[in-house]
Amino acid sequence: MPAAELRPPGELAALIRKEKAKGVTITVANGCFSLFHVGHVRYLRAAARLADRLVVAINSDRSISRIKGPGKMILDQEARTTILRSFEFVDYVTVFDQDTVDDLLWKIQPDFHCKGGGYSTPRQVPEYQTVKSYGGKTVIVGGEKAHSTTALIGKIRKTGG
C-alpha cells in the first residue's frame, strides 16, 4: 500500500475538487497530534470509514505554538506528517498554519468533517458553522475520549521519564 500523499493545502484543494467531481466522497479529520496515541488511531480509523478518502489536516508547528504556547509540541511537523502518511487508512495529509481548519474546509468542502470524542456534540466543534454553510456534516467519531496527550505526558513524568 503506497504512503498517503503529502500535499500543500492549495494543491490538495484542487485535487479534491477533481475527485469530488467523479463522485468520490471525502472526510477531513484534523488536529495537532503533538504526540500520537491510541485515541488518535481510533479517531482517524473511524473517520476513514465514513467516505472514500480521508484527508488528515495537521496544525503547523507555528500554529501549535500560538494555540498551546511554547514548549507544548512534542513531535515536530515533519515527524507528525511522516507518522500519518504511514497509516494505510489515510489518503492525504496536509499542514495548515491557521488556528482553525475553517479555511481548508471551505476550500475542500468535504462531505464530512470529523472530530474525536473530546466533543460531546457536533455543534461544539469550532468549525461546525463553516461545514454547515456548504452543506457538509460534522461528525464526532472514535468513541469517548479515554486517551489524551496531556494525560500521557503526565504519566511519563510521574514514572520518571
Protein backbone atom coordinates (compact mmCIF):
# COMPACT_ATOMS: atom_id res chain seq x y z
CA MET A 1 0.00 0.00 0.00
CA PRO A 2 1.53 3.33 -1.01
CA ALA A 3 2.06 6.03 1.58
CA ALA A 4 -0.53 8.77 1.89
CA GLU A 5 0.27 11.80 -0.22
CA LEU A 6 1.55 14.94 1.49
CA ARG A 7 0.12 17.95 -0.32
CA PRO A 8 0.06 21.69 0.44
CA PRO A 9 -3.49 22.99 1.09
CA GLY A 10 -3.98 24.78 -2.26
CA GLU A 11 -2.76 21.83 -4.31
CA LEU A 12 -4.84 19.44 -2.20
CA ALA A 13 -7.99 21.52 -2.68
CA ALA A 14 -7.61 21.35 -6.48
CA LEU A 15 -7.03 17.60 -6.34
CA ILE A 16 -10.05 17.02 -4.08
CA ARG A 17 -12.30 19.10 -6.36
CA LYS A 18 -11.40 16.74 -9.23
CA GLU A 19 -12.09 13.67 -7.09
CA LYS A 20 -15.44 15.05 -5.88
CA ALA A 21 -16.45 15.73 -9.50
CA LYS A 22 -16.04 11.97 -10.09
CA GLY A 23 -18.34 11.17 -7.15
CA VAL A 24 -15.62 10.36 -4.61
CA THR A 25 -16.67 11.14 -1.02
CA ILE A 26 -14.26 12.98 1.27
CA THR A 27 -13.70 13.13 5.02
CA VAL A 28 -11.40 15.64 6.71
CA ALA A 29 -10.08 14.97 10.20
CA ASN A 30 -7.78 17.46 11.84
CA GLY A 31 -5.75 18.06 14.95
CA CYS A 32 -2.37 18.89 16.40
CA PHE A 33 -1.32 15.27 17.01
CA SER A 34 1.61 16.55 19.06
CA LEU A 35 2.19 13.05 20.50
CA PHE A 36 0.39 10.13 18.84
CA HIS A 37 -1.56 7.68 20.98
CA VAL A 38 -4.25 5.02 20.56
CA GLY A 39 -7.06 7.59 20.79
CA HIS A 40 -5.74 9.30 17.66
CA VAL A 41 -5.65 5.99 15.78
CA ARG A 42 -9.25 5.18 16.78
CA TYR A 43 -10.39 8.67 15.78
CA LEU A 44 -8.72 8.57 12.37
CA ARG A 45 -9.72 4.99 11.61
CA ALA A 46 -13.38 5.81 12.40
CA ALA A 47 -13.19 8.96 10.25
CA ALA A 48 -11.80 6.95 7.33
CA ARG A 49 -14.82 4.61 7.39
CA LEU A 50 -17.22 7.44 6.52
CA ALA A 51 -16.02 8.20 3.00
CA ASP A 52 -13.90 7.05 0.08
CA ARG A 53 -10.93 9.27 1.01
CA LEU A 54 -9.54 10.53 4.30
CA VAL A 55 -7.67 13.82 4.42
CA VAL A 56 -5.81 14.48 7.67
CA ALA A 57 -5.00 18.13 8.26
CA ILE A 58 -2.48 18.93 10.96
CA ASN A 59 -1.66 22.22 12.62
CA SER A 60 1.75 23.56 11.66
CA ASP A 61 4.46 23.92 14.31
CA ARG A 62 3.80 27.69 14.37
CA SER A 63 0.07 27.15 14.81
CA ILE A 64 0.62 24.78 17.74
CA SER A 65 2.92 27.30 19.42
CA ARG A 66 0.26 30.00 19.08
CA ILE A 67 -2.58 27.78 20.31
CA LYS A 68 -0.88 25.83 23.09
CA GLY A 69 2.05 28.04 23.97
CA PRO A 70 5.78 27.48 23.59
CA GLY A 71 7.20 24.13 24.62
CA LYS A 72 3.92 22.18 24.24
CA MET A 73 4.78 20.48 20.97
CA ILE A 74 6.40 17.07 21.36
CA LEU A 75 6.72 15.91 17.74
CA ASP A 76 7.58 18.42 15.05
CA GLN A 77 5.64 18.86 11.85
CA GLU A 78 7.90 16.57 9.82
CA ALA A 79 7.61 13.72 12.34
CA ARG A 80 3.83 14.11 12.58
CA THR A 81 3.33 14.07 8.81
CA THR A 82 5.63 11.05 8.44
CA ILE A 83 3.67 9.08 11.03
CA LEU A 84 0.32 10.00 9.48
CA ARG A 85 1.48 9.08 5.99
CA SER A 86 2.26 5.56 7.22
CA PHE A 87 -1.35 4.78 8.20
CA GLU A 88 -2.98 2.65 5.48
CA PHE A 89 -6.36 4.32 6.04
CA VAL A 90 -5.05 7.87 5.40
CA ASP A 91 -5.10 9.06 1.78
CA TYR A 92 -3.83 12.63 2.05
CA VAL A 93 -2.01 14.69 4.66
CA THR A 94 -1.78 18.45 4.67
CA VAL A 95 -0.43 21.08 7.06
CA PHE A 96 -2.31 24.29 7.82
CA ASP A 97 -0.94 27.36 9.55
CA GLN A 98 -4.15 28.90 10.88
CA ASP A 99 -5.54 28.30 14.37
CA THR A 100 -8.63 26.55 12.98
CA VAL A 101 -9.13 24.44 9.88
CA ASP A 102 -12.03 26.61 8.62
CA ASP A 103 -10.18 27.94 5.56
CA LEU A 104 -9.17 24.46 4.38
CA LEU A 105 -12.67 23.09 4.99
CA TRP A 106 -14.15 25.89 2.94
CA LYS A 107 -11.73 25.21 0.07
CA ILE A 108 -12.17 21.41 0.10
CA GLN A 109 -15.81 21.24 1.21
CA PRO A 110 -15.58 17.63 2.38
CA ASP A 111 -18.71 15.57 2.84
CA PHE A 112 -17.70 15.01 6.46
CA HIS A 113 -15.58 16.88 8.97
CA CYS A 114 -14.70 14.58 11.85
CA LYS A 115 -13.56 15.35 15.36
CA GLY A 116 -12.80 12.97 18.21
CA GLY A 117 -14.54 12.22 21.48
CA GLY A 118 -13.30 15.39 23.15
CA TYR A 119 -16.50 16.95 21.83
CA SER A 120 -19.98 15.89 23.00
CA THR A 121 -21.94 17.23 20.04
CA PRO A 122 -21.10 18.44 16.53
CA ARG A 123 -22.26 21.96 17.43
CA GLN A 124 -19.35 22.23 19.91
CA VAL A 125 -16.80 21.83 17.12
CA PRO A 126 -15.32 25.29 16.27
CA GLU A 127 -15.69 24.70 12.53
CA TYR A 128 -19.31 23.50 12.73
CA GLN A 129 -20.82 26.62 11.11
CA THR A 130 -18.33 26.54 8.23
CA VAL A 131 -19.16 22.92 7.44
CA LYS A 132 -22.89 23.56 7.79
CA SER A 133 -22.66 26.60 5.46
CA TYR A 134 -21.65 24.50 2.43
CA GLY A 135 -23.91 21.52 3.26
CA GLY A 136 -21.36 19.18 4.83
CA LYS A 137 -21.78 17.21 8.02
CA THR A 138 -19.76 17.45 11.24
CA VAL A 139 -19.39 14.05 12.91
CA ILE A 140 -17.94 13.01 16.28
CA VAL A 141 -16.12 9.67 15.88
CA GLY A 142 -13.76 7.33 17.69
CA GLY A 143 -15.69 6.85 20.93
CA GLU A 144 -15.28 8.54 24.29
CA LYS A 145 -12.09 10.44 24.93
CA ALA A 146 -10.25 7.90 27.05
CA HIS A 147 -6.76 8.98 25.99
CA SER A 148 -5.07 12.35 25.76
CA THR A 149 -1.63 13.69 25.05
CA THR A 150 -1.71 15.70 28.30
CA ALA A 151 -2.52 12.57 30.33
CA LEU A 152 0.17 10.58 28.55
CA ILE A 153 2.79 13.25 29.24
CA GLY A 154 1.68 13.34 32.90
CA LYS A 155 2.07 9.56 33.14
CA ILE A 156 5.55 9.74 31.63
CA ARG A 157 6.58 12.44 34.11
CA LYS A 158 5.08 10.51 37.03
CA THR A 159 7.10 7.42 36.16
CA GLY A 160 10.29 9.46 35.97
CA GLY A 161 10.51 9.57 32.17
